Amino acid sequence: MTAMCTLIISVATILSWIIAFTRLPDLIIGFLTSITDNPYIILLLLVAFLLFIGMFIETIAATIIVAPILMPVAYQYGIDPIQFAIIMIVVLVYAEVTPPVGGVLFITMGIANVKLQETLKYLVPYLGIIFIVILLMILFPSISLMIPNIFR
């Protein structure tokens, strides 16, 4: 179990370094901004990008790498920074429990001593619900901004 956790953390660290060194997020964001000027489409594209990144890199490392790059894009399209930050964190955490890599998924499977098929049988309905919530947060910003607006 310890070896699996160490391997996942090591690979995530190496991937984080490679992505930062090659400036891959800059290239991807340049591509996204050339596609559309619709903020909803941009958010959907960013969610897809974050899902991909989050499957391979741990949430904190992914946030440190991509937040400084994605936040200006969100700001450019008039997306509330707090809304975007909340969506980004929810999507990255969501990605950590999705196959094929899903570090948290495999760590919890190792702790519980269960197989992937057994875990997925119970996990898939929850993943569907969380994905619907992510889409609702994109379509209705007040959902993700409700609690932060209380403290403004």
N, C-alpha and C. Protein backbone atom coordinates (compact mmCIF):
# COMPACT_ATOMS: atom_id res chain seq x y z
N MET A 1 0.83 -1.19 0.00
CA MET A 1 0.00 0.00 0.00
C MET A 1 0.87 1.26 0.00
N THR A 2 1.88 1.28 0.86
CA THR A 2 2.77 2.44 0.92
C THR A 2 3.51 2.62 -0.39
N ALA A 3 3.91 1.52 -1.00
CA ALA A 3 4.62 1.61 -2.28
C ALA A 3 3.72 2.19 -3.36
N MET A 4 2.44 1.80 -3.37
CA MET A 4 1.52 2.33 -4.37
C MET A 4 1.33 3.83 -4.18
N CYS A 5 1.17 4.28 -2.94
CA CYS A 5 1.01 5.71 -2.66
C CYS A 5 2.26 6.48 -3.08
N THR A 6 3.42 5.95 -2.75
CA THR A 6 4.68 6.60 -3.11
C THR A 6 4.84 6.67 -4.62
N LEU A 7 4.48 5.61 -5.32
CA LEU A 7 4.56 5.60 -6.78
C LEU A 7 3.64 6.64 -7.39
N ILE A 8 2.41 6.72 -6.91
CA ILE A 8 1.46 7.70 -7.43
C ILE A 8 1.97 9.12 -7.20
N ILE A 9 2.47 9.40 -6.01
CA ILE A 9 2.98 10.74 -5.71
C ILE A 9 4.21 11.04 -6.56
N SER A 10 5.09 10.07 -6.74
CA SER A 10 6.30 10.27 -7.54
C SER A 10 5.96 10.56 -9.00
N VAL A 11 5.06 9.78 -9.57
CA VAL A 11 4.68 10.00 -10.96
C VAL A 11 3.99 11.35 -11.13
N ALA A 12 3.13 11.71 -10.17
CA ALA A 12 2.46 13.01 -10.24
C ALA A 12 3.47 14.15 -10.18
N THR A 13 4.49 14.01 -9.36
CA THR A 13 5.52 15.04 -9.26
C THR A 13 6.30 15.16 -10.56
N ILE A 14 6.66 14.04 -11.14
CA ILE A 14 7.40 14.06 -12.42
C ILE A 14 6.55 14.68 -13.52
N LEU A 15 5.28 14.27 -13.60
CA LEU A 15 4.39 14.85 -14.61
C LEU A 15 4.20 16.35 -14.40
N SER A 16 4.08 16.77 -13.16
CA SER A 16 3.94 18.20 -12.86
C SER A 16 5.15 18.97 -13.37
N TRP A 17 6.32 18.43 -13.14
CA TRP A 17 7.54 19.10 -13.58
C TRP A 17 7.60 19.16 -15.11
N ILE A 18 7.26 18.05 -15.77
CA ILE A 18 7.30 18.02 -17.24
C ILE A 18 6.31 19.02 -17.83
N ILE A 19 5.11 19.06 -17.28
CA ILE A 19 4.10 19.98 -17.80
C ILE A 19 4.52 21.42 -17.57
N ALA A 20 5.09 21.72 -16.41
CA ALA A 20 5.54 23.08 -16.14
C ALA A 20 6.72 23.45 -17.03
N PHE A 21 7.65 22.53 -17.23
CA PHE A 21 8.84 22.80 -18.03
C PHE A 21 8.50 23.02 -19.50
N THR A 22 7.58 22.23 -20.04
CA THR A 22 7.23 22.35 -21.46
C THR A 22 6.20 23.43 -21.73
N ARG A 23 5.67 24.02 -20.67
CA ARG A 23 4.66 25.09 -20.78
C ARG A 23 3.46 24.61 -21.59
N LEU A 24 3.11 23.36 -21.42
CA LEU A 24 1.97 22.77 -22.10
C LEU A 24 0.66 23.52 -21.82
N PRO A 25 0.39 23.92 -20.58
CA PRO A 25 -0.85 24.67 -20.35
C PRO A 25 -0.96 25.95 -21.18
N ASP A 26 0.16 26.64 -21.39
CA ASP A 26 0.12 27.85 -22.22
C ASP A 26 -0.34 27.54 -23.64
N LEU A 27 0.15 26.46 -24.19
CA LEU A 27 -0.24 26.06 -25.55
C LEU A 27 -1.72 25.69 -25.61
N ILE A 28 -2.18 24.97 -24.62
CA ILE A 28 -3.58 24.55 -24.61
C ILE A 28 -4.50 25.75 -24.44
N ILE A 29 -4.15 26.66 -23.57
CA ILE A 29 -4.99 27.84 -23.37
C ILE A 29 -5.01 28.71 -24.61
N GLY A 30 -3.89 28.84 -25.29
CA GLY A 30 -3.88 29.57 -26.56
C GLY A 30 -4.84 28.96 -27.56
N PHE A 31 -4.89 27.65 -27.58
CA PHE A 31 -5.82 26.94 -28.46
C PHE A 31 -7.27 27.21 -28.05
N LEU A 32 -7.56 27.13 -26.75
CA LEU A 32 -8.93 27.33 -26.27
C LEU A 32 -9.44 28.73 -26.60
N THR A 33 -8.60 29.73 -26.43
CA THR A 33 -9.06 31.09 -26.68
C THR A 33 -9.27 31.37 -28.16
N SER A 34 -8.67 30.59 -29.03
CA SER A 34 -8.87 30.79 -30.47
C SER A 34 -10.16 30.14 -30.97
N ILE A 35 -10.79 29.32 -30.15
CA ILE A 35 -11.98 28.58 -30.58
C ILE A 35 -13.26 29.42 -30.49
N THR A 36 -13.48 30.08 -29.37
CA THR A 36 -14.76 30.75 -29.14
C THR A 36 -14.62 31.94 -28.22
N ASP A 37 -15.66 32.77 -28.21
CA ASP A 37 -15.70 33.88 -27.26
C ASP A 37 -16.87 33.72 -26.29
N ASN A 38 -17.53 32.58 -26.32
CA ASN A 38 -18.64 32.29 -25.42
C ASN A 38 -18.10 31.78 -24.08
N PRO A 39 -18.40 32.47 -22.97
CA PRO A 39 -17.85 32.05 -21.67
C PRO A 39 -18.30 30.65 -21.24
N TYR A 40 -19.50 30.25 -21.62
CA TYR A 40 -19.97 28.91 -21.25
C TYR A 40 -19.17 27.82 -21.97
N ILE A 41 -18.91 28.05 -23.24
CA ILE A 41 -18.11 27.09 -24.01
C ILE A 41 -16.69 27.04 -23.45
N ILE A 42 -16.13 28.22 -23.14
CA ILE A 42 -14.79 28.27 -22.55
C ILE A 42 -14.76 27.49 -21.23
N LEU A 43 -15.77 27.68 -20.39
CA LEU A 43 -15.81 26.94 -19.12
C LEU A 43 -15.90 25.44 -19.36
N LEU A 44 -16.70 25.02 -20.33
CA LEU A 44 -16.79 23.58 -20.64
C LEU A 44 -15.45 23.05 -21.13
N LEU A 45 -14.77 23.82 -21.97
CA LEU A 45 -13.45 23.40 -22.46
C LEU A 45 -12.43 23.35 -21.32
N LEU A 46 -12.50 24.33 -20.43
CA LEU A 46 -11.58 24.34 -19.28
C LEU A 46 -11.87 23.17 -18.35
N VAL A 47 -13.15 22.83 -18.18
CA VAL A 47 -13.50 21.68 -17.35
C VAL A 47 -12.93 20.40 -17.96
N ALA A 48 -13.05 20.26 -19.28
CA ALA A 48 -12.48 19.08 -19.95
C ALA A 48 -10.96 19.04 -19.75
N PHE A 49 -10.31 20.19 -19.89
CA PHE A 49 -8.86 20.27 -19.69
C PHE A 49 -8.50 19.90 -18.25
N LEU A 50 -9.25 20.45 -17.29
CA LEU A 50 -8.97 20.17 -15.88
C LEU A 50 -9.23 18.71 -15.53
N LEU A 51 -10.25 18.12 -16.14
CA LEU A 51 -10.49 16.68 -15.93
C LEU A 51 -9.30 15.87 -16.39
N PHE A 52 -8.78 16.21 -17.55
CA PHE A 52 -7.63 15.50 -18.09
C PHE A 52 -6.41 15.67 -17.18
N ILE A 53 -6.12 16.91 -16.82
CA ILE A 53 -4.96 17.19 -15.95
C ILE A 53 -5.15 16.52 -14.59
N GLY A 54 -6.37 16.63 -14.03
CA GLY A 54 -6.63 16.10 -12.70
C GLY A 54 -6.54 14.59 -12.59
N MET A 55 -6.68 13.89 -13.72
CA MET A 55 -6.54 12.43 -13.68
C MET A 55 -5.10 12.00 -13.47
N PHE A 56 -4.17 12.86 -13.84
CA PHE A 56 -2.75 12.48 -13.80
C PHE A 56 -1.96 13.21 -12.72
N ILE A 57 -2.46 14.36 -12.27
CA ILE A 57 -1.72 15.17 -11.30
C ILE A 57 -2.60 15.41 -10.09
N GLU A 58 -2.03 15.34 -8.92
CA GLU A 58 -2.74 15.58 -7.67
C GLU A 58 -3.30 17.00 -7.65
N THR A 59 -4.39 17.20 -6.92
CA THR A 59 -5.14 18.45 -6.94
C THR A 59 -4.28 19.67 -6.60
N ILE A 60 -3.49 19.61 -5.56
CA ILE A 60 -2.69 20.77 -5.16
C ILE A 60 -1.65 21.10 -6.22
N ALA A 61 -0.97 20.09 -6.73
CA ALA A 61 0.03 20.33 -7.77
C ALA A 61 -0.62 20.89 -9.03
N ALA A 62 -1.76 20.35 -9.41
CA ALA A 62 -2.47 20.84 -10.60
C ALA A 62 -2.92 22.28 -10.40
N THR A 63 -3.39 22.60 -9.22
CA THR A 63 -3.83 23.97 -8.94
C THR A 63 -2.66 24.93 -9.03
N ILE A 64 -1.53 24.55 -8.46
CA ILE A 64 -0.35 25.41 -8.50
C ILE A 64 0.12 25.63 -9.94
N ILE A 65 0.03 24.60 -10.76
CA ILE A 65 0.51 24.71 -12.14
C ILE A 65 -0.46 25.49 -13.02
N VAL A 66 -1.75 25.14 -12.98
CA VAL A 66 -2.67 25.70 -13.97
C VAL A 66 -3.45 26.93 -13.53
N ALA A 67 -3.62 27.16 -12.24
CA ALA A 67 -4.41 28.31 -11.80
C ALA A 67 -3.85 29.64 -12.31
N PRO A 68 -2.54 29.87 -12.23
CA PRO A 68 -2.03 31.15 -12.74
C PRO A 68 -2.21 31.32 -14.25
N ILE A 69 -2.36 30.22 -14.95
CA ILE A 69 -2.53 30.29 -16.40
C ILE A 69 -4.00 30.41 -16.77
N LEU A 70 -4.86 29.66 -16.07
CA LEU A 70 -6.28 29.64 -16.42
C LEU A 70 -7.05 30.84 -15.87
N MET A 71 -6.63 31.38 -14.75
CA MET A 71 -7.37 32.49 -14.14
C MET A 71 -7.45 33.71 -15.05
N PRO A 72 -6.36 34.12 -15.72
CA PRO A 72 -6.49 35.26 -16.64
C PRO A 72 -7.44 34.99 -17.80
N VAL A 73 -7.48 33.75 -18.26
CA VAL A 73 -8.41 33.40 -19.34
C VAL A 73 -9.85 33.54 -18.84
N ALA A 74 -10.11 33.03 -17.64
CA ALA A 74 -11.45 33.16 -17.07
C ALA A 74 -11.81 34.63 -16.89
N TYR A 75 -10.88 35.41 -16.41
CA TYR A 75 -11.12 36.84 -16.21
C TYR A 75 -11.40 37.54 -17.54
N GLN A 76 -10.66 37.17 -18.56
CA GLN A 76 -10.82 37.75 -19.90
C GLN A 76 -12.24 37.53 -20.43
N TYR A 77 -12.84 36.41 -20.09
CA TYR A 77 -14.19 36.08 -20.56
C TYR A 77 -15.28 36.50 -19.57
N GLY A 78 -14.92 37.24 -18.55
CA GLY A 78 -15.91 37.76 -17.61
C GLY A 78 -16.43 36.73 -16.61
N ILE A 79 -15.68 35.68 -16.41
CA ILE A 79 -16.07 34.64 -15.45
C ILE A 79 -15.59 35.07 -14.07
N ASP A 80 -16.49 35.03 -13.09
CA ASP A 80 -16.15 35.42 -11.73
C ASP A 80 -14.98 34.55 -11.24
N PRO A 81 -13.92 35.18 -10.70
CA PRO A 81 -12.76 34.41 -10.25
C PRO A 81 -13.08 33.40 -9.14
N ILE A 82 -14.00 33.75 -8.26
CA ILE A 82 -14.36 32.83 -7.18
C ILE A 82 -15.13 31.64 -7.77
N GLN A 83 -16.05 31.92 -8.69
CA GLN A 83 -16.78 30.83 -9.34
C GLN A 83 -15.81 29.90 -10.06
N PHE A 84 -14.87 30.47 -10.79
CA PHE A 84 -13.92 29.64 -11.52
C PHE A 84 -13.06 28.82 -10.57
N ALA A 85 -12.61 29.42 -9.47
CA ALA A 85 -11.79 28.69 -8.50
C ALA A 85 -12.56 27.52 -7.90
N ILE A 86 -13.82 27.74 -7.58
CA ILE A 86 -14.64 26.67 -7.00
C ILE A 86 -14.84 25.55 -8.02
N ILE A 87 -15.16 25.92 -9.26
CA ILE A 87 -15.33 24.91 -10.31
C ILE A 87 -14.03 24.15 -10.52
N MET A 88 -12.91 24.87 -10.54
CA MET A 88 -11.62 24.23 -10.77
C MET A 88 -11.32 23.19 -9.68
N ILE A 89 -11.53 23.55 -8.43
CA ILE A 89 -11.24 22.62 -7.33
C ILE A 89 -12.18 21.41 -7.37
N VAL A 90 -13.47 21.66 -7.61
CA VAL A 90 -14.42 20.54 -7.68
C VAL A 90 -14.05 19.59 -8.82
N VAL A 91 -13.69 20.14 -9.97
CA VAL A 91 -13.34 19.30 -11.12
C VAL A 91 -12.06 18.53 -10.86
N LEU A 92 -11.06 19.16 -10.26
CA LEU A 92 -9.80 18.47 -9.99
C LEU A 92 -9.99 17.34 -8.97
N VAL A 93 -10.79 17.58 -7.95
CA VAL A 93 -11.07 16.53 -6.97
C VAL A 93 -11.88 15.41 -7.62
N TYR A 94 -12.84 15.79 -8.47
CA TYR A 94 -13.63 14.81 -9.22
C TYR A 94 -12.72 13.93 -10.07
N ALA A 95 -11.74 14.54 -10.71
CA ALA A 95 -10.84 13.80 -11.59
C ALA A 95 -9.96 12.82 -10.82
N GLU A 96 -9.71 13.10 -9.55
CA GLU A 96 -8.85 12.21 -8.76
C GLU A 96 -9.50 10.86 -8.45
N VAL A 97 -10.81 10.77 -8.62
CA VAL A 97 -11.47 9.49 -8.36
C VAL A 97 -11.98 8.84 -9.64
N THR A 98 -11.54 9.34 -10.79
CA THR A 98 -11.96 8.75 -12.06
C THR A 98 -10.82 7.93 -12.66
N PRO A 99 -11.16 6.78 -13.21
CA PRO A 99 -10.15 6.01 -13.93
C PRO A 99 -9.72 6.77 -15.18
N PRO A 100 -8.62 6.55 -15.80
CA PRO A 100 -7.72 5.42 -15.65
C PRO A 100 -6.66 5.61 -14.57
N VAL A 101 -6.33 6.83 -14.19
CA VAL A 101 -5.27 7.01 -13.20
C VAL A 101 -5.88 7.19 -11.82
N GLY A 102 -6.66 8.23 -11.61
CA GLY A 102 -7.38 8.47 -10.37
C GLY A 102 -6.67 8.03 -9.11
N GLY A 103 -5.70 8.80 -8.67
CA GLY A 103 -4.88 8.43 -7.52
C GLY A 103 -5.70 8.10 -6.29
N VAL A 104 -6.66 8.91 -5.95
CA VAL A 104 -7.47 8.68 -4.76
C VAL A 104 -8.27 7.38 -4.90
N LEU A 105 -8.75 7.12 -6.11
CA LEU A 105 -9.51 5.89 -6.36
C LEU A 105 -8.67 4.66 -6.03
N PHE A 106 -7.45 4.61 -6.53
CA PHE A 106 -6.62 3.43 -6.31
C PHE A 106 -6.09 3.35 -4.89
N ILE A 107 -5.87 4.48 -4.26
CA ILE A 107 -5.44 4.46 -2.86
C ILE A 107 -6.56 3.89 -1.98
N THR A 108 -7.79 4.35 -2.19
CA THR A 108 -8.89 3.84 -1.38
C THR A 108 -9.20 2.38 -1.69
N MET A 109 -9.01 1.97 -2.95
CA MET A 109 -9.19 0.56 -3.29
C MET A 109 -8.16 -0.30 -2.56
N GLY A 110 -6.93 0.19 -2.48
CA GLY A 110 -5.89 -0.54 -1.78
C GLY A 110 -6.17 -0.64 -0.29
N ILE A 111 -6.67 0.43 0.30
CA ILE A 111 -6.99 0.41 1.73
C ILE A 111 -8.14 -0.56 2.01
N ALA A 112 -9.16 -0.52 1.14
CA ALA A 112 -10.35 -1.35 1.36
C ALA A 112 -10.19 -2.78 0.84
N ASN A 113 -9.10 -3.04 0.13
CA ASN A 113 -8.87 -4.37 -0.46
C ASN A 113 -10.01 -4.81 -1.38
N VAL A 114 -10.41 -3.93 -2.30
CA VAL A 114 -11.47 -4.27 -3.26
C VAL A 114 -10.94 -4.06 -4.67
N LYS A 115 -11.61 -4.70 -5.63
CA LYS A 115 -11.21 -4.61 -7.03
C LYS A 115 -11.89 -3.41 -7.69
N LEU A 116 -11.32 -2.98 -8.82
CA LEU A 116 -11.83 -1.82 -9.54
C LEU A 116 -13.29 -2.01 -9.96
N GLN A 117 -13.63 -3.18 -10.46
CA GLN A 117 -15.00 -3.43 -10.92
C GLN A 117 -16.01 -3.27 -9.79
N GLU A 118 -15.67 -3.76 -8.63
CA GLU A 118 -16.57 -3.65 -7.48
C GLU A 118 -16.72 -2.19 -7.06
N THR A 119 -15.63 -1.46 -7.07
CA THR A 119 -15.67 -0.05 -6.70
C THR A 119 -16.48 0.76 -7.70
N LEU A 120 -16.24 0.53 -8.98
CA LEU A 120 -16.94 1.30 -10.01
C LEU A 120 -18.44 1.09 -9.99
N LYS A 121 -18.86 -0.10 -9.60
CA LYS A 121 -20.30 -0.39 -9.52
C LYS A 121 -21.01 0.61 -8.61
N TYR A 122 -20.36 1.01 -7.54
CA TYR A 122 -20.95 1.95 -6.60
C TYR A 122 -20.56 3.40 -6.90
N LEU A 123 -19.44 3.59 -7.55
CA LEU A 123 -18.90 4.93 -7.78
C LEU A 123 -19.56 5.65 -8.95
N VAL A 124 -19.89 4.94 -10.02
CA VAL A 124 -20.39 5.56 -11.25
C VAL A 124 -21.63 6.43 -11.01
N PRO A 125 -22.64 6.00 -10.24
CA PRO A 125 -23.78 6.90 -10.02
C PRO A 125 -23.38 8.22 -9.35
N TYR A 126 -22.47 8.16 -8.41
CA TYR A 126 -22.01 9.38 -7.75
C TYR A 126 -21.23 10.28 -8.70
N LEU A 127 -20.42 9.68 -9.55
CA LEU A 127 -19.68 10.47 -10.54
C LEU A 127 -20.64 11.18 -11.48
N GLY A 128 -21.71 10.51 -11.87
CA GLY A 128 -22.72 11.15 -12.72
C GLY A 128 -23.38 12.33 -12.04
N ILE A 129 -23.73 12.17 -10.78
CA ILE A 129 -24.37 13.25 -10.03
C ILE A 129 -23.42 14.43 -9.87
N ILE A 130 -22.17 14.16 -9.54
CA ILE A 130 -21.20 15.24 -9.38
C ILE A 130 -20.98 15.97 -10.70
N PHE A 131 -20.95 15.24 -11.80
CA PHE A 131 -20.78 15.89 -13.11
C PHE A 131 -21.97 16.80 -13.42
N ILE A 132 -23.17 16.37 -13.07
CA ILE A 132 -24.35 17.23 -13.26
C ILE A 132 -24.23 18.48 -12.41
N VAL A 133 -23.75 18.35 -11.19
CA VAL A 133 -23.55 19.52 -10.32
C VAL A 133 -22.52 20.47 -10.94
N ILE A 134 -21.46 19.93 -11.52
CA ILE A 134 -20.46 20.78 -12.18
C ILE A 134 -21.10 21.55 -13.33
N LEU A 135 -21.91 20.88 -14.13
CA LEU A 135 -22.60 21.56 -15.23
C LEU A 135 -23.55 22.63 -14.71
N LEU A 136 -24.25 22.35 -13.61
CA LEU A 136 -25.14 23.35 -13.02
C LEU A 136 -24.37 24.56 -12.50
N MET A 137 -23.18 24.32 -11.93
CA MET A 137 -22.35 25.44 -11.46
C MET A 137 -21.90 26.31 -12.62
N ILE A 138 -21.69 25.70 -13.79
CA ILE A 138 -21.31 26.48 -14.97
C ILE A 138 -22.49 27.30 -15.47
N LEU A 139 -23.65 26.67 -15.56
CA LEU A 139 -24.83 27.35 -16.12
C LEU A 139 -25.42 28.39 -15.17
N PHE A 140 -25.36 28.12 -13.88
CA PHE A 140 -25.94 29.01 -12.88
C PHE A 140 -24.87 29.40 -11.86
N PRO A 141 -24.15 30.48 -12.11
CA PRO A 141 -23.06 30.88 -11.21
C PRO A 141 -23.50 31.08 -9.76
N SER A 142 -24.77 31.41 -9.55
CA SER A 142 -25.24 31.65 -8.18
C SER A 142 -25.12 30.40 -7.31
N ILE A 143 -25.11 29.21 -7.92
CA ILE A 143 -24.95 27.97 -7.15
C ILE A 143 -23.58 27.94 -6.48
N SER A 144 -22.54 28.23 -7.24
CA SER A 144 -21.19 28.18 -6.68
C SER A 144 -20.85 29.44 -5.88
N LEU A 145 -21.60 30.51 -6.09
CA LEU A 145 -21.29 31.77 -5.41
C LEU A 145 -22.19 32.05 -4.21
N MET A 146 -23.11 31.14 -3.91
CA MET A 146 -24.07 31.38 -2.84
C MET A 146 -23.38 31.64 -1.50
N ILE A 147 -22.53 30.74 -1.08
CA ILE A 147 -21.86 30.89 0.22
C ILE A 147 -20.84 32.03 0.20
N PRO A 148 -19.99 32.16 -0.84
CA PRO A 148 -19.08 33.31 -0.85
C PRO A 148 -19.81 34.66 -0.82
N ASN A 149 -20.98 34.74 -1.44
CA ASN A 149 -21.74 36.01 -1.44
C ASN A 149 -22.25 36.36 -0.06
N ILE A 150 -22.45 35.38 0.80
CA ILE A 150 -22.87 35.66 2.18
C ILE A 150 -21.80 36.46 2.90
N PHE A 151 -20.53 36.19 2.59
CA PHE A 151 -19.42 36.83 3.29
C PHE A 151 -18.89 38.07 2.60
N ARG A 152 -19.48 38.47 1.49
CA ARG A 152 -19.02 39.69 0.79
C ARG A 152 -19.55 40.92 1.44
